[in-house]
N, C-alpha and C. Protein backbone atom coordinates (compact mmCIF):
# COMPACT_ATOMS: atom_id res chain seq x y z
N UNK A 1 -28.13 -19.85 8.89
CA UNK A 1 -27.99 -21.50 9.29
C UNK A 1 -27.87 -22.18 7.83
N UNK A 2 -26.95 -23.09 7.86
CA UNK A 2 -26.50 -23.77 6.59
C UNK A 2 -27.62 -24.90 6.44
N UNK A 3 -28.25 -24.80 5.15
CA UNK A 3 -29.46 -25.92 4.79
C UNK A 3 -28.72 -27.22 4.89
N UNK A 4 -29.53 -28.19 5.27
CA UNK A 4 -29.07 -29.70 5.41
C UNK A 4 -30.15 -30.53 4.93
N UNK A 5 -29.68 -31.50 3.95
CA UNK A 5 -30.63 -32.46 3.41
C UNK A 5 -30.04 -33.90 3.68
N UNK A 6 -30.89 -34.78 4.09
CA UNK A 6 -30.42 -36.21 4.51
C UNK A 6 -30.62 -37.21 3.40
N UNK A 7 -29.84 -37.91 2.99
CA UNK A 7 -30.05 -38.96 2.17
C UNK A 7 -30.07 -40.36 2.98
N UNK A 8 -31.38 -41.06 3.10
CA UNK A 8 -31.74 -42.04 3.92
C UNK A 8 -32.19 -43.27 3.05
N UNK A 9 -32.03 -44.37 3.72
CA UNK A 9 -32.52 -45.72 3.05
C UNK A 9 -31.94 -46.71 3.82
N UNK A 10 -32.21 -47.92 3.44
CA UNK A 10 -31.94 -49.20 4.25
C UNK A 10 -30.33 -49.28 3.71
N UNK A 11 -29.75 -50.25 4.46
CA UNK A 11 -28.39 -50.55 3.96
C UNK A 11 -28.35 -51.21 2.51
N UNK A 12 -27.26 -50.70 2.00
CA UNK A 12 -26.97 -51.19 0.57
C UNK A 12 -28.11 -50.72 -0.49
N UNK A 13 -28.60 -49.64 -0.08
CA UNK A 13 -29.77 -49.11 -1.19
C UNK A 13 -29.09 -48.28 -2.16
N UNK A 14 -28.05 -47.79 -1.90
CA UNK A 14 -27.34 -46.73 -2.82
C UNK A 14 -27.27 -45.38 -2.24
N UNK A 15 -27.06 -45.24 -0.97
CA UNK A 15 -27.24 -43.97 -0.41
C UNK A 15 -26.06 -43.12 -0.65
N UNK A 16 -24.72 -43.77 -0.58
CA UNK A 16 -23.61 -43.16 -0.73
C UNK A 16 -23.28 -42.85 -2.37
N UNK A 17 -23.68 -43.91 -3.03
CA UNK A 17 -23.57 -43.66 -4.53
C UNK A 17 -24.23 -42.35 -4.83
N UNK A 18 -25.66 -42.23 -4.33
CA UNK A 18 -26.49 -41.15 -4.79
C UNK A 18 -25.63 -39.83 -4.26
N UNK A 19 -25.19 -39.89 -2.92
CA UNK A 19 -24.38 -38.74 -2.53
C UNK A 19 -23.39 -38.27 -3.41
N UNK A 20 -22.52 -39.34 -3.74
CA UNK A 20 -21.44 -38.92 -4.90
C UNK A 20 -22.06 -38.25 -6.04
N UNK A 21 -23.16 -38.61 -6.53
CA UNK A 21 -23.67 -38.14 -7.68
C UNK A 21 -24.12 -36.74 -7.42
N UNK A 22 -24.83 -36.35 -6.29
CA UNK A 22 -25.36 -35.23 -5.88
C UNK A 22 -24.25 -34.09 -5.58
N UNK A 23 -23.11 -34.62 -4.92
CA UNK A 23 -21.79 -33.70 -4.94
C UNK A 23 -21.34 -33.24 -6.13
N UNK A 24 -21.03 -34.35 -7.05
CA UNK A 24 -20.47 -33.92 -8.37
C UNK A 24 -21.50 -32.74 -9.15
N UNK A 25 -22.75 -33.04 -9.11
CA UNK A 25 -23.47 -32.10 -9.79
C UNK A 25 -23.49 -30.79 -9.07
N UNK A 26 -23.71 -30.74 -7.69
CA UNK A 26 -23.65 -29.57 -6.96
C UNK A 26 -22.33 -28.78 -7.17
N UNK A 27 -21.16 -29.50 -7.07
CA UNK A 27 -19.93 -28.74 -7.28
C UNK A 27 -19.85 -28.16 -8.62
N UNK A 28 -20.20 -29.09 -9.59
CA UNK A 28 -20.28 -28.59 -10.99
C UNK A 28 -21.07 -27.20 -11.17
N UNK A 29 -22.05 -27.09 -10.31
CA UNK A 29 -22.93 -25.76 -10.48
C UNK A 29 -22.17 -24.70 -9.64
N UNK A 30 -21.18 -24.99 -9.00
CA UNK A 30 -20.47 -23.77 -8.10
C UNK A 30 -20.95 -23.88 -6.64
N UNK A 31 -21.61 -24.90 -6.02
CA UNK A 31 -21.70 -24.88 -4.65
C UNK A 31 -20.58 -25.42 -3.90
N UNK A 32 -20.47 -25.16 -2.62
CA UNK A 32 -19.59 -25.64 -1.66
C UNK A 32 -20.39 -26.51 -0.63
N UNK A 33 -19.94 -27.90 -0.61
CA UNK A 33 -20.92 -28.69 0.12
C UNK A 33 -20.13 -29.43 1.09
N UNK A 34 -20.54 -29.60 2.38
CA UNK A 34 -20.08 -30.46 3.28
C UNK A 34 -20.97 -31.73 3.42
N UNK A 35 -20.26 -32.93 3.92
CA UNK A 35 -21.18 -34.00 4.23
C UNK A 35 -20.76 -34.50 5.53
N UNK A 36 -21.97 -35.09 6.15
CA UNK A 36 -21.61 -35.67 7.43
C UNK A 36 -22.16 -37.14 7.53
N UNK A 37 -21.40 -37.98 7.83
CA UNK A 37 -21.76 -39.59 7.73
C UNK A 37 -21.93 -40.09 9.02
N UNK A 38 -23.12 -40.49 9.54
CA UNK A 38 -23.04 -41.18 10.85
C UNK A 38 -22.80 -42.63 10.68
N UNK A 39 -22.17 -43.24 11.63
CA UNK A 39 -22.05 -44.85 11.53
C UNK A 39 -22.14 -45.27 12.97
N UNK A 40 -23.18 -45.96 13.07
CA UNK A 40 -23.49 -46.53 14.40
C UNK A 40 -22.66 -47.38 15.05
N UNK A 41 -21.83 -48.03 14.07
CA UNK A 41 -20.86 -48.98 14.67
C UNK A 41 -19.39 -48.35 14.96
N UNK A 42 -19.23 -47.04 14.69
CA UNK A 42 -18.08 -46.49 15.08
C UNK A 42 -17.00 -46.54 14.04
N UNK A 43 -15.83 -45.87 14.13
CA UNK A 43 -14.95 -45.82 13.08
C UNK A 43 -13.47 -45.50 13.79
N UNK A 44 -12.49 -45.61 12.95
CA UNK A 44 -11.16 -45.17 13.52
C UNK A 44 -10.29 -44.61 12.20
N UNK A 45 -9.89 -43.41 12.35
CA UNK A 45 -9.02 -42.86 11.30
C UNK A 45 -7.55 -42.90 11.70
N UNK A 46 -7.47 -43.16 12.85
CA UNK A 46 -5.99 -43.44 13.47
C UNK A 46 -5.38 -44.82 13.28
N UNK A 47 -4.26 -45.00 13.22
CA UNK A 47 -3.82 -46.60 13.08
C UNK A 47 -2.63 -46.63 14.18
N UNK A 48 -2.75 -47.78 14.95
CA UNK A 48 -1.84 -48.07 15.69
C UNK A 48 -0.33 -47.91 15.51
N UNK A 49 0.29 -47.27 16.37
CA UNK A 49 1.84 -46.87 16.06
C UNK A 49 1.98 -45.59 15.61
N UNK A 50 0.98 -44.92 14.76
CA UNK A 50 1.24 -43.64 14.32
C UNK A 50 1.25 -42.52 15.32
N UNK A 51 1.82 -41.49 15.27
CA UNK A 51 1.92 -40.45 16.15
C UNK A 51 0.64 -40.14 16.70
N UNK A 52 -0.30 -39.59 15.89
CA UNK A 52 -1.73 -39.45 16.44
C UNK A 52 -2.35 -40.40 17.21
N UNK A 53 -2.12 -41.63 16.79
CA UNK A 53 -2.58 -42.74 17.50
C UNK A 53 -2.18 -42.59 19.07
N UNK A 54 -0.77 -42.73 19.00
CA UNK A 54 -0.02 -42.47 20.35
C UNK A 54 -0.36 -41.38 21.31
N UNK A 55 -0.58 -40.41 20.58
CA UNK A 55 -1.15 -39.13 21.21
C UNK A 55 -2.59 -39.56 22.12
N UNK A 56 -3.35 -40.02 21.38
CA UNK A 56 -4.70 -40.58 21.82
C UNK A 56 -4.47 -41.61 22.83
N UNK A 57 -3.57 -42.49 22.68
CA UNK A 57 -3.29 -43.65 23.60
C UNK A 57 -2.82 -43.21 24.87
N UNK A 58 -2.04 -42.15 24.88
CA UNK A 58 -1.27 -41.47 25.96
C UNK A 58 -2.47 -40.74 26.82
N UNK A 59 -3.61 -40.41 26.34
CA UNK A 59 -4.58 -39.67 27.07
C UNK A 59 -5.20 -38.46 26.61
N UNK A 60 -4.93 -37.95 25.29
CA UNK A 60 -5.29 -36.84 24.67
C UNK A 60 -6.78 -36.92 24.46
N UNK A 61 -7.64 -35.70 24.99
CA UNK A 61 -9.04 -35.92 24.62
C UNK A 61 -9.30 -35.46 23.10
N UNK A 62 -8.47 -34.81 22.62
CA UNK A 62 -8.73 -34.30 21.03
C UNK A 62 -7.17 -34.43 20.50
N UNK A 63 -7.31 -34.91 19.29
CA UNK A 63 -5.98 -34.76 18.51
C UNK A 63 -6.51 -34.25 17.08
N UNK A 64 -5.58 -33.29 16.71
CA UNK A 64 -5.82 -32.71 15.36
C UNK A 64 -4.74 -33.08 14.49
N UNK A 65 -4.99 -33.84 13.27
CA UNK A 65 -4.22 -34.11 12.30
C UNK A 65 -4.03 -32.87 11.31
N UNK A 66 -3.09 -32.35 11.04
CA UNK A 66 -3.04 -31.40 10.04
C UNK A 66 -2.01 -31.48 8.85
N UNK A 67 -2.37 -31.31 7.65
CA UNK A 67 -1.39 -31.18 6.60
C UNK A 67 -1.77 -29.88 5.84
N UNK A 68 -0.70 -29.65 4.80
CA UNK A 68 -1.07 -28.40 3.90
C UNK A 68 -2.38 -28.36 3.12
N UNK A 69 -3.04 -29.70 3.10
CA UNK A 69 -4.37 -29.62 2.40
C UNK A 69 -5.53 -30.31 3.13
N UNK A 70 -5.26 -30.78 4.29
CA UNK A 70 -6.44 -31.60 5.12
C UNK A 70 -6.25 -31.10 6.51
N UNK A 71 -7.34 -31.25 7.35
CA UNK A 71 -7.38 -31.23 8.58
C UNK A 71 -8.27 -32.40 9.34
N UNK A 72 -8.00 -32.88 10.18
CA UNK A 72 -8.92 -34.20 10.77
C UNK A 72 -8.94 -34.03 12.15
N UNK A 73 -10.08 -34.17 12.67
CA UNK A 73 -10.27 -33.91 14.31
C UNK A 73 -10.52 -35.31 14.87
N UNK A 74 -9.94 -35.93 15.67
CA UNK A 74 -10.14 -36.95 16.59
C UNK A 74 -10.54 -36.44 18.02
N UNK A 75 -11.75 -36.72 18.41
CA UNK A 75 -12.34 -36.05 19.70
C UNK A 75 -13.08 -37.05 20.57
N UNK A 76 -12.71 -37.35 21.73
CA UNK A 76 -13.62 -37.98 22.43
C UNK A 76 -15.03 -37.34 22.66
N UNK A 77 -16.16 -38.07 22.78
CA UNK A 77 -17.30 -37.23 22.99
C UNK A 77 -18.20 -38.03 24.13
N UNK A 78 -18.97 -37.18 24.67
CA UNK A 78 -19.75 -38.04 25.90
C UNK A 78 -21.02 -38.30 25.17
N UNK A 79 -21.44 -38.06 24.05
CA UNK A 79 -22.85 -38.79 23.47
C UNK A 79 -22.82 -38.81 21.98
N UNK A 80 -23.71 -39.50 21.48
CA UNK A 80 -23.75 -39.60 20.04
C UNK A 80 -24.42 -38.24 19.51
N UNK A 81 -23.67 -37.48 18.88
CA UNK A 81 -24.18 -36.05 18.51
C UNK A 81 -25.20 -36.21 17.33
N UNK A 82 -26.10 -35.17 17.30
CA UNK A 82 -27.20 -35.04 16.00
C UNK A 82 -26.25 -34.39 15.11
N UNK A 83 -27.02 -34.40 13.81
CA UNK A 83 -26.35 -33.79 12.59
C UNK A 83 -26.43 -32.33 12.93
N UNK A 84 -27.37 -31.61 13.62
CA UNK A 84 -27.29 -30.25 13.80
C UNK A 84 -26.21 -29.94 14.71
N UNK A 85 -25.92 -30.74 15.91
CA UNK A 85 -24.81 -30.38 16.79
C UNK A 85 -23.51 -30.44 16.02
N UNK A 86 -23.27 -31.62 15.39
CA UNK A 86 -21.82 -31.73 14.39
C UNK A 86 -21.79 -30.66 13.49
N UNK A 87 -22.90 -30.17 12.70
CA UNK A 87 -22.97 -29.07 11.98
C UNK A 87 -22.41 -27.74 12.64
N UNK A 88 -23.05 -27.47 13.66
CA UNK A 88 -22.85 -26.16 14.43
C UNK A 88 -21.29 -26.24 14.98
N UNK A 89 -20.89 -27.35 15.33
CA UNK A 89 -19.45 -27.48 16.02
C UNK A 89 -18.33 -27.42 15.05
N UNK A 90 -18.59 -28.04 13.66
CA UNK A 90 -17.55 -28.16 12.70
C UNK A 90 -17.85 -27.73 11.30
N UNK A 91 -18.95 -27.27 11.05
CA UNK A 91 -19.06 -27.01 9.64
C UNK A 91 -19.05 -25.54 9.40
N UNK A 92 -18.26 -25.01 8.52
CA UNK A 92 -18.06 -23.73 8.13
C UNK A 92 -18.00 -23.47 6.74
N UNK A 93 -18.40 -22.25 6.17
CA UNK A 93 -18.02 -21.87 4.83
C UNK A 93 -18.64 -22.79 3.73
N UNK A 94 -19.72 -23.44 3.87
CA UNK A 94 -20.40 -24.19 2.75
C UNK A 94 -21.80 -23.76 2.48
N UNK A 95 -22.34 -23.91 1.61
CA UNK A 95 -23.70 -23.64 0.92
C UNK A 95 -24.73 -24.73 1.44
N UNK A 96 -24.24 -25.93 1.57
CA UNK A 96 -25.25 -27.05 1.83
C UNK A 96 -24.41 -28.12 2.49
N UNK A 97 -25.28 -28.93 3.42
CA UNK A 97 -24.68 -29.93 4.06
C UNK A 97 -25.49 -31.21 3.73
N UNK A 98 -24.97 -32.26 3.16
CA UNK A 98 -25.68 -33.46 2.92
C UNK A 98 -25.17 -34.52 4.05
N UNK A 99 -26.21 -35.16 4.52
CA UNK A 99 -25.80 -36.20 5.39
C UNK A 99 -26.39 -37.60 5.15
N UNK A 100 -25.82 -38.53 5.81
CA UNK A 100 -26.00 -40.17 5.84
C UNK A 100 -26.10 -40.58 6.77
N UNK A 101 -27.16 -41.38 7.25
CA UNK A 101 -27.20 -41.89 8.44
C UNK A 101 -28.39 -41.38 9.27
N UNK A 102 -28.42 -41.89 10.68
CA UNK A 102 -29.63 -41.08 11.34
C UNK A 102 -30.85 -41.08 10.53
N UNK A 103 -31.48 -42.36 10.26
CA UNK A 103 -32.58 -42.44 9.35
C UNK A 103 -33.78 -41.55 9.86
N UNK A 104 -33.83 -41.52 11.24
CA UNK A 104 -35.07 -40.72 11.77
C UNK A 104 -34.87 -39.31 12.19
N UNK A 105 -33.68 -38.70 11.51
CA UNK A 105 -33.48 -37.31 11.94
C UNK A 105 -34.63 -36.29 11.58
N UNK A 106 -34.50 -35.16 12.05
CA UNK A 106 -35.65 -34.10 11.88
C UNK A 106 -35.46 -33.38 10.59
N UNK A 107 -34.57 -33.57 9.75
CA UNK A 107 -34.10 -32.72 8.67
C UNK A 107 -34.74 -33.34 7.36
N UNK A 108 -34.93 -32.50 6.29
CA UNK A 108 -35.46 -32.85 5.03
C UNK A 108 -34.72 -34.00 4.52
N UNK A 109 -35.45 -34.88 3.90
CA UNK A 109 -34.86 -36.03 3.36
C UNK A 109 -35.13 -36.34 2.00
N UNK A 110 -34.18 -37.06 1.33
CA UNK A 110 -34.38 -37.69 0.21
C UNK A 110 -34.08 -39.39 0.52
N UNK A 111 -35.20 -40.07 0.13
CA UNK A 111 -34.90 -41.48 0.49
C UNK A 111 -34.64 -42.39 -0.89
N UNK A 112 -33.63 -43.01 -0.67
CA UNK A 112 -33.26 -44.12 -1.65
C UNK A 112 -34.02 -45.32 -1.69
N UNK A 113 -34.80 -45.74 -2.70
CA UNK A 113 -35.70 -46.73 -2.60
C UNK A 113 -35.47 -47.70 -3.73
N UNK A 114 -35.28 -49.19 -3.56
CA UNK A 114 -35.18 -49.90 -4.59
C UNK A 114 -36.24 -50.94 -4.71
N UNK A 115 -36.92 -51.22 -5.92
CA UNK A 115 -37.91 -52.25 -5.79
C UNK A 115 -37.44 -53.57 -5.32
N UNK A 116 -36.29 -53.87 -5.51
CA UNK A 116 -35.68 -55.28 -4.95
C UNK A 116 -35.80 -55.37 -3.55
N UNK A 117 -35.84 -54.42 -2.86
CA UNK A 117 -36.01 -54.42 -1.44
C UNK A 117 -37.29 -54.85 -0.92
N UNK A 118 -38.40 -54.63 -1.66
CA UNK A 118 -39.57 -55.16 -1.33
C UNK A 118 -40.28 -54.80 0.00
N UNK A 119 -40.19 -53.48 0.13
CA UNK A 119 -40.56 -52.99 1.41
C UNK A 119 -41.17 -51.54 1.14
N UNK A 120 -41.92 -51.03 2.36
CA UNK A 120 -42.33 -49.64 2.00
C UNK A 120 -41.32 -48.57 2.34
N UNK A 121 -41.52 -47.33 2.29
CA UNK A 121 -40.57 -46.19 2.48
C UNK A 121 -40.32 -46.15 4.04
N UNK A 122 -39.13 -45.80 4.31
CA UNK A 122 -38.94 -45.51 5.95
C UNK A 122 -39.52 -44.09 6.30
N UNK A 123 -39.48 -43.30 5.51
CA UNK A 123 -40.17 -41.83 5.47
C UNK A 123 -41.39 -41.41 4.85
N UNK A 124 -42.19 -40.56 5.51
CA UNK A 124 -43.28 -39.93 4.89
C UNK A 124 -43.05 -38.45 4.92
N UNK A 125 -43.81 -37.64 3.97
CA UNK A 125 -43.76 -36.38 4.06
C UNK A 125 -43.88 -35.67 5.21
N UNK A 126 -44.75 -36.11 6.25
CA UNK A 126 -44.54 -35.49 7.63
C UNK A 126 -43.31 -35.79 8.39
N UNK A 127 -42.58 -36.67 8.00
CA UNK A 127 -41.34 -36.95 8.66
C UNK A 127 -40.15 -36.09 8.03
N UNK A 128 -40.52 -35.26 6.99
CA UNK A 128 -39.62 -34.34 6.31
C UNK A 128 -39.26 -34.95 4.96
N UNK A 129 -39.97 -35.96 4.42
CA UNK A 129 -39.48 -36.61 3.14
C UNK A 129 -39.78 -35.54 2.07
N UNK A 130 -38.68 -35.19 1.26
CA UNK A 130 -39.01 -34.18 0.27
C UNK A 130 -38.88 -34.71 -1.22
N UNK A 131 -38.35 -35.97 -1.24
CA UNK A 131 -38.32 -36.62 -2.59
C UNK A 131 -37.92 -38.20 -2.41
N UNK A 132 -38.00 -38.99 -3.41
CA UNK A 132 -37.58 -40.33 -3.35
C UNK A 132 -36.79 -40.36 -4.75
N UNK A 133 -35.49 -41.14 -4.44
CA UNK A 133 -34.81 -41.63 -5.65
C UNK A 133 -34.92 -42.90 -5.85
N UNK A 134 -35.58 -43.34 -6.82
CA UNK A 134 -35.91 -44.87 -7.04
C UNK A 134 -35.73 -45.42 -8.32
N UNK A 135 -35.74 -46.72 -8.40
CA UNK A 135 -35.44 -47.37 -9.80
C UNK A 135 -36.90 -47.62 -10.33
N UNK A 136 -38.08 -47.01 -9.63
CA UNK A 136 -39.26 -47.49 -10.26
C UNK A 136 -40.08 -46.41 -9.66
N UNK A 137 -41.13 -45.89 -10.64
CA UNK A 137 -41.89 -44.63 -10.43
C UNK A 137 -42.91 -45.08 -9.11
N UNK A 138 -42.86 -44.08 -8.12
CA UNK A 138 -43.92 -44.33 -6.91
C UNK A 138 -44.78 -43.21 -6.82
N UNK A 139 -45.84 -43.40 -6.45
CA UNK A 139 -46.76 -42.48 -6.03
C UNK A 139 -46.83 -42.20 -4.54
N UNK A 140 -46.09 -41.25 -3.85
CA UNK A 140 -45.92 -41.25 -2.39
C UNK A 140 -46.16 -39.83 -2.07
N UNK A 141 -46.73 -38.78 -2.69
CA UNK A 141 -46.94 -37.54 -2.30
C UNK A 141 -45.83 -36.63 -2.20
N UNK A 142 -44.64 -37.11 -2.74
CA UNK A 142 -43.32 -36.27 -3.07
C UNK A 142 -42.88 -36.54 -4.38
N UNK A 143 -42.11 -35.75 -5.00
CA UNK A 143 -41.46 -36.14 -5.99
C UNK A 143 -40.82 -37.41 -6.00
N UNK A 144 -40.87 -38.19 -7.09
CA UNK A 144 -40.19 -39.49 -7.17
C UNK A 144 -39.09 -39.35 -8.53
N UNK A 145 -37.99 -39.24 -8.35
CA UNK A 145 -37.00 -39.15 -9.45
C UNK A 145 -36.23 -40.46 -9.59
N UNK A 146 -35.76 -40.79 -10.93
CA UNK A 146 -35.10 -41.81 -11.13
C UNK A 146 -33.68 -41.62 -10.25
N UNK A 147 -33.27 -42.88 -9.85
CA UNK A 147 -32.08 -42.99 -8.79
C UNK A 147 -30.97 -42.37 -9.58
N UNK A 148 -30.85 -42.39 -10.78
CA UNK A 148 -29.65 -41.83 -11.67
C UNK A 148 -29.90 -40.35 -11.98
N UNK A 149 -30.97 -39.75 -11.63
CA UNK A 149 -31.27 -38.22 -12.16
C UNK A 149 -30.55 -37.45 -11.11
N UNK A 150 -29.30 -37.28 -10.87
CA UNK A 150 -28.69 -36.41 -9.89
C UNK A 150 -29.12 -34.87 -10.37
N UNK A 151 -29.11 -34.58 -11.61
CA UNK A 151 -29.47 -33.23 -12.03
C UNK A 151 -30.91 -32.77 -11.51
N UNK A 152 -31.77 -33.80 -11.71
CA UNK A 152 -33.23 -33.45 -11.40
C UNK A 152 -33.33 -33.32 -9.81
N UNK A 153 -32.53 -34.07 -9.01
CA UNK A 153 -32.58 -34.15 -7.40
C UNK A 153 -32.06 -32.74 -7.00
N UNK A 154 -30.85 -32.39 -7.74
CA UNK A 154 -30.11 -31.09 -7.36
C UNK A 154 -31.17 -30.04 -7.78
N UNK A 155 -31.73 -29.93 -8.91
CA UNK A 155 -32.74 -28.90 -9.10
C UNK A 155 -33.77 -28.62 -8.00
N UNK A 156 -34.17 -29.90 -7.48
CA UNK A 156 -35.08 -29.70 -6.16
C UNK A 156 -34.25 -29.05 -5.17
N UNK A 157 -33.18 -29.56 -4.86
CA UNK A 157 -32.54 -29.11 -3.69
C UNK A 157 -32.29 -27.53 -3.86
N UNK A 158 -31.90 -27.28 -5.00
CA UNK A 158 -31.50 -25.79 -5.48
C UNK A 158 -32.79 -24.90 -5.17
N UNK A 159 -33.91 -25.37 -5.65
CA UNK A 159 -35.19 -24.55 -5.52
C UNK A 159 -35.67 -24.36 -4.19
N UNK A 160 -35.44 -25.57 -3.43
CA UNK A 160 -36.01 -25.42 -1.98
C UNK A 160 -35.10 -24.90 -0.99
N UNK A 161 -33.49 -25.04 -1.20
CA UNK A 161 -32.70 -24.66 0.04
C UNK A 161 -31.66 -23.79 -0.58
N UNK A 162 -31.42 -23.65 -1.61
CA UNK A 162 -30.13 -22.92 -2.26
C UNK A 162 -30.55 -21.59 -2.95
N UNK A 163 -31.53 -21.14 -2.84
CA UNK A 163 -31.90 -19.86 -3.79
C UNK A 163 -30.70 -18.81 -3.61
N UNK A 164 -29.96 -18.64 -4.57
CA UNK A 164 -29.05 -17.66 -4.50
C UNK A 164 -27.76 -17.62 -3.55
N UNK A 165 -27.69 -19.00 -2.97
CA UNK A 165 -26.65 -19.06 -2.00
C UNK A 165 -25.17 -19.36 -2.70
N UNK A 166 -25.10 -19.86 -4.15
CA UNK A 166 -23.94 -20.00 -4.65
C UNK A 166 -22.70 -19.01 -4.38
N UNK A 167 -21.65 -19.49 -4.21
CA UNK A 167 -20.63 -18.33 -3.85
C UNK A 167 -19.94 -17.95 -5.28
């Protein structure tokens, strides 16, 4: 089973920016990483008038867009899939999956927290919280690293989830 770590936090806390930094450091260390981003509001990668959009508009349940360097799948689904369901269905040949969204998922979490938010953490250690990335030190029962310390966070991820998995 591929290890999965979720980056959680409130809107505009810096989750995507942290994931970008974690990805860069993980790739620099030789890991292959997939990401899954949940968007409760929905999204579209198809554009009206394009061939793939026309396929879906004509009734295709699934459309696969393929090029020499990328593949994308547009698929109708019956329910909002969990990260585990998405990983099982689509993710292959990676060492780690980083996720964003689904704040209350059951996977290990790194929470992004900023003092300006003036609120408590969304997660606790019993919810799977393994670390906090923050702009201010916090005493919350898990490691609290500087929000810009991608290397330190990757050290933690490596120690807990990637022991010897590097390809």
